[in-house]
Amino acid sequence: MTVTVKILPNDRQPRIDKLADAELHFHGAPLDGLKLIGFGIWRRRDGVGFNVTFPARQFTVHGDRRNFALLRATEHPSAQNEVREFVLQAYLAEASAKTEDARAS
């Protein structure tokens, strides 16, 4: 099975800190033809670097909003960091390609 990342630039929303949404597309059994949506790529508040958020469901407990992560590590907590880095590298590669295309035009 292979996984590719589809980047959806944030062209329509006024939030300038949210740079893009991302989806994981699965190729090969057993998840062939499925995608996992809900990743977000954000500019960090300090302006240095990026942050990748995972799909989550929001719920309320005693009036407080909380998030329940839908993608979590089973054995190795570093697995989330690997996925986060995988999504971020796809975003940076696409941003770099767009910059090169703009220079060539």
C-alpha atoms as a PDB file:
ATOM      1  CA  MET A   1       0.000   0.000   0.000  1.00  0.00           C
ATOM      2  CA  THR A   2       1.186   3.517  -0.757  1.00  0.00           C
ATOM      3  CA  VAL A   3      -0.051   6.846   0.521  1.00  0.00           C
ATOM      4  CA  THR A   4       0.027  10.190  -1.259  1.00  0.00           C
ATOM      5  CA  VAL A   5      -0.788  13.617   0.106  1.00  0.00           C
ATOM      6  CA  LYS A   6      -3.148  15.950  -1.725  1.00  0.00           C
ATOM      7  CA  ILE A   7      -2.684  19.609  -0.789  1.00  0.00           C
ATOM      8  CA  LEU A   8      -5.670  21.967  -1.032  1.00  0.00           C
ATOM      9  CA  PRO A   9      -4.399  25.571  -0.743  1.00  0.00           C
ATOM     10  CA  ASN A  10      -6.432  27.920   1.437  1.00  0.00           C
ATOM     11  CA  ASP A  11      -7.418  30.364  -1.312  1.00  0.00           C
ATOM     12  CA  ARG A  12     -11.021  30.929  -0.249  1.00  0.00           C
ATOM     13  CA  GLN A  13     -10.918  31.458   3.493  1.00  0.00           C
ATOM     14  CA  PRO A  14      -9.915  34.772   5.061  1.00  0.00           C
ATOM     15  CA  ARG A  15      -7.739  33.114   7.739  1.00  0.00           C
ATOM     16  CA  ILE A  16      -4.220  34.014   6.705  1.00  0.00           C
ATOM     17  CA  ASP A  17      -2.575  31.679   9.240  1.00  0.00           C
ATOM     18  CA  LYS A  18      -4.212  28.599   7.687  1.00  0.00           C
ATOM     19  CA  LEU A  19      -2.154  27.846   4.616  1.00  0.00           C
ATOM     20  CA  ALA A  20      -3.802  24.676   3.322  1.00  0.00           C
ATOM     21  CA  ASP A  21      -5.845  21.574   3.997  1.00  0.00           C
ATOM     22  CA  ALA A  22      -4.420  18.148   3.251  1.00  0.00           C
ATOM     23  CA  GLU A  23      -5.784  14.683   2.538  1.00  0.00           C
ATOM     24  CA  LEU A  24      -4.078  11.291   2.640  1.00  0.00           C
ATOM     25  CA  HIS A  25      -4.981   9.172  -0.417  1.00  0.00           C
ATOM     26  CA  PHE A  26      -4.476   5.410  -0.130  1.00  0.00           C
ATOM     27  CA  HIS A  27      -3.439   3.187  -3.054  1.00  0.00           C
ATOM     28  CA  GLY A  28      -3.460  -0.600  -2.712  1.00  0.00           C
ATOM     29  CA  ALA A  29      -5.252  -3.051  -0.458  1.00  0.00           C
ATOM     30  CA  PRO A  30      -6.869  -2.861   2.020  1.00  0.00           C
ATOM     31  CA  LEU A  31      -7.597   0.910   1.851  1.00  0.00           C
ATOM     32  CA  ASP A  32      -7.411   1.318  -1.941  1.00  0.00           C
ATOM     33  CA  GLY A  33      -9.578   4.180  -3.139  1.00  0.00           C
ATOM     34  CA  LEU A  34     -10.092   5.732   0.311  1.00  0.00           C
ATOM     35  CA  LYS A  35      -8.854   9.049   1.686  1.00  0.00           C
ATOM     36  CA  LEU A  36      -8.439  10.512   5.148  1.00  0.00           C
ATOM     37  CA  ILE A  37      -9.411  14.173   5.275  1.00  0.00           C
ATOM     38  CA  GLY A  38      -9.114  16.863   7.925  1.00  0.00           C
ATOM     39  CA  PHE A  39      -5.416  17.721   8.108  1.00  0.00           C
ATOM     40  CA  GLY A  40      -4.570  21.417   8.341  1.00  0.00           C
ATOM     41  CA  ILE A  41      -1.320  23.224   7.613  1.00  0.00           C
ATOM     42  CA  TRP A  42      -0.861  26.416   9.601  1.00  0.00           C
ATOM     43  CA  ARG A  43       1.770  29.125   9.937  1.00  0.00           C
ATOM     44  CA  ARG A  44       3.047  29.080  13.505  1.00  0.00           C
ATOM     45  CA  ARG A  45       2.002  32.003  15.684  1.00  0.00           C
ATOM     46  CA  ASP A  46       5.603  33.071  16.207  1.00  0.00           C
ATOM     47  CA  GLY A  47       5.978  33.205  12.409  1.00  0.00           C
ATOM     48  CA  VAL A  48       8.797  30.652  12.377  1.00  0.00           C
ATOM     49  CA  GLY A  49       7.831  27.356  10.749  1.00  0.00           C
ATOM     50  CA  PHE A  50       4.612  25.452  10.273  1.00  0.00           C
ATOM     51  CA  ASN A  51       2.237  23.249  12.230  1.00  0.00           C
ATOM     52  CA  VAL A  52       0.162  20.331  10.963  1.00  0.00           C
ATOM     53  CA  THR A  53      -3.096  19.543  12.745  1.00  0.00           C
ATOM     54  CA  PHE A  54      -4.763  16.135  12.555  1.00  0.00           C
ATOM     55  CA  PRO A  55      -8.404  15.271  11.874  1.00  0.00           C
ATOM     56  CA  ALA A  56     -10.455  15.753  15.033  1.00  0.00           C
ATOM     57  CA  ARG A  57     -14.013  15.850  16.236  1.00  0.00           C
ATOM     58  CA  GLN A  58     -15.137  18.683  18.471  1.00  0.00           C
ATOM     59  CA  PHE A  59     -17.337  18.099  21.510  1.00  0.00           C
ATOM     60  CA  THR A  60     -18.432  20.044  24.565  1.00  0.00           C
ATOM     61  CA  VAL A  61     -17.901  19.053  28.210  1.00  0.00           C
ATOM     62  CA  HIS A  62     -19.358  21.337  30.887  1.00  0.00           C
ATOM     63  CA  GLY A  63     -19.423  24.228  28.424  1.00  0.00           C
ATOM     64  CA  ASP A  64     -15.791  23.767  27.357  1.00  0.00           C
ATOM     65  CA  ARG A  65     -14.967  22.880  23.760  1.00  0.00           C
ATOM     66  CA  ARG A  66     -12.608  19.956  23.371  1.00  0.00           C
ATOM     67  CA  ASN A  67     -11.176  17.981  20.483  1.00  0.00           C
ATOM     68  CA  PHE A  68     -10.981  14.230  20.083  1.00  0.00           C
ATOM     69  CA  ALA A  69      -8.156  13.242  17.704  1.00  0.00           C
ATOM     70  CA  LEU A  70      -9.302  10.751  15.075  1.00  0.00           C
ATOM     71  CA  LEU A  71      -5.810   9.563  14.122  1.00  0.00           C
ATOM     72  CA  ARG A  72      -3.702   8.408  17.069  1.00  0.00           C
ATOM     73  CA  ALA A  73      -0.639   6.269  17.632  1.00  0.00           C
ATOM     74  CA  THR A  74      -1.195   2.707  18.818  1.00  0.00           C
ATOM     75  CA  GLU A  75       2.304   1.774  19.976  1.00  0.00           C
ATOM     76  CA  HIS A  76       4.847   4.369  18.886  1.00  0.00           C
ATOM     77  CA  PRO A  77       4.011   7.994  19.736  1.00  0.00           C
ATOM     78  CA  SER A  78       6.580   9.086  17.146  1.00  0.00           C
ATOM     79  CA  ALA A  79       4.269   7.746  14.418  1.00  0.00           C
ATOM     80  CA  GLN A  80       2.226  10.949  14.619  1.00  0.00           C
ATOM     81  CA  ASN A  81       5.358  13.015  14.102  1.00  0.00           C
ATOM     82  CA  GLU A  82       6.220  10.955  11.013  1.00  0.00           C
ATOM     83  CA  VAL A  83       2.764  11.590   9.517  1.00  0.00           C
ATOM     84  CA  ARG A  84       3.006  15.268  10.432  1.00  0.00           C
ATOM     85  CA  GLU A  85       6.398  15.498   8.679  1.00  0.00           C
ATOM     86  CA  PHE A  86       5.073  13.544   5.649  1.00  0.00           C
ATOM     87  CA  VAL A  87       2.211  16.037   5.192  1.00  0.00           C
ATOM     88  CA  LEU A  88       4.476  19.048   5.753  1.00  0.00           C
ATOM     89  CA  GLN A  89       7.046  17.821   3.204  1.00  0.00           C
ATOM     90  CA  ALA A  90       4.275  17.425   0.607  1.00  0.00           C
ATOM     91  CA  TYR A  91       3.121  20.984   1.301  1.00  0.00           C
ATOM     92  CA  LEU A  92       6.643  22.396   1.035  1.00  0.00           C
ATOM     93  CA  ALA A  93       7.285  20.487  -2.208  1.00  0.00           C
ATOM     94  CA  GLU A  94       4.093  21.866  -3.759  1.00  0.00           C
ATOM     95  CA  ALA A  95       4.849  25.404  -2.571  1.00  0.00           C
ATOM     96  CA  SER A  96       8.344  25.125  -4.045  1.00  0.00           C
ATOM     97  CA  ALA A  97       6.971  23.872  -7.376  1.00  0.00           C
ATOM     98  CA  LYS A  98       4.517  26.783  -7.537  1.00  0.00           C
ATOM     99  CA  THR A  99       7.332  29.247  -6.849  1.00  0.00           C
ATOM    100  CA  GLU A 100       9.427  27.733  -9.650  1.00  0.00           C
ATOM    101  CA  ASP A 101       6.443  27.851 -12.048  1.00  0.00           C
ATOM    102  CA  ALA A 102       5.861  31.522 -11.196  1.00  0.00           C
ATOM    103  CA  ARG A 103       9.518  32.319 -11.889  1.00  0.00           C
ATOM    104  CA  ALA A 104       9.406  30.505 -15.233  1.00  0.00           C
ATOM    105  CA  SER A 105       6.365  32.502 -16.362  1.00  0.00           C
END
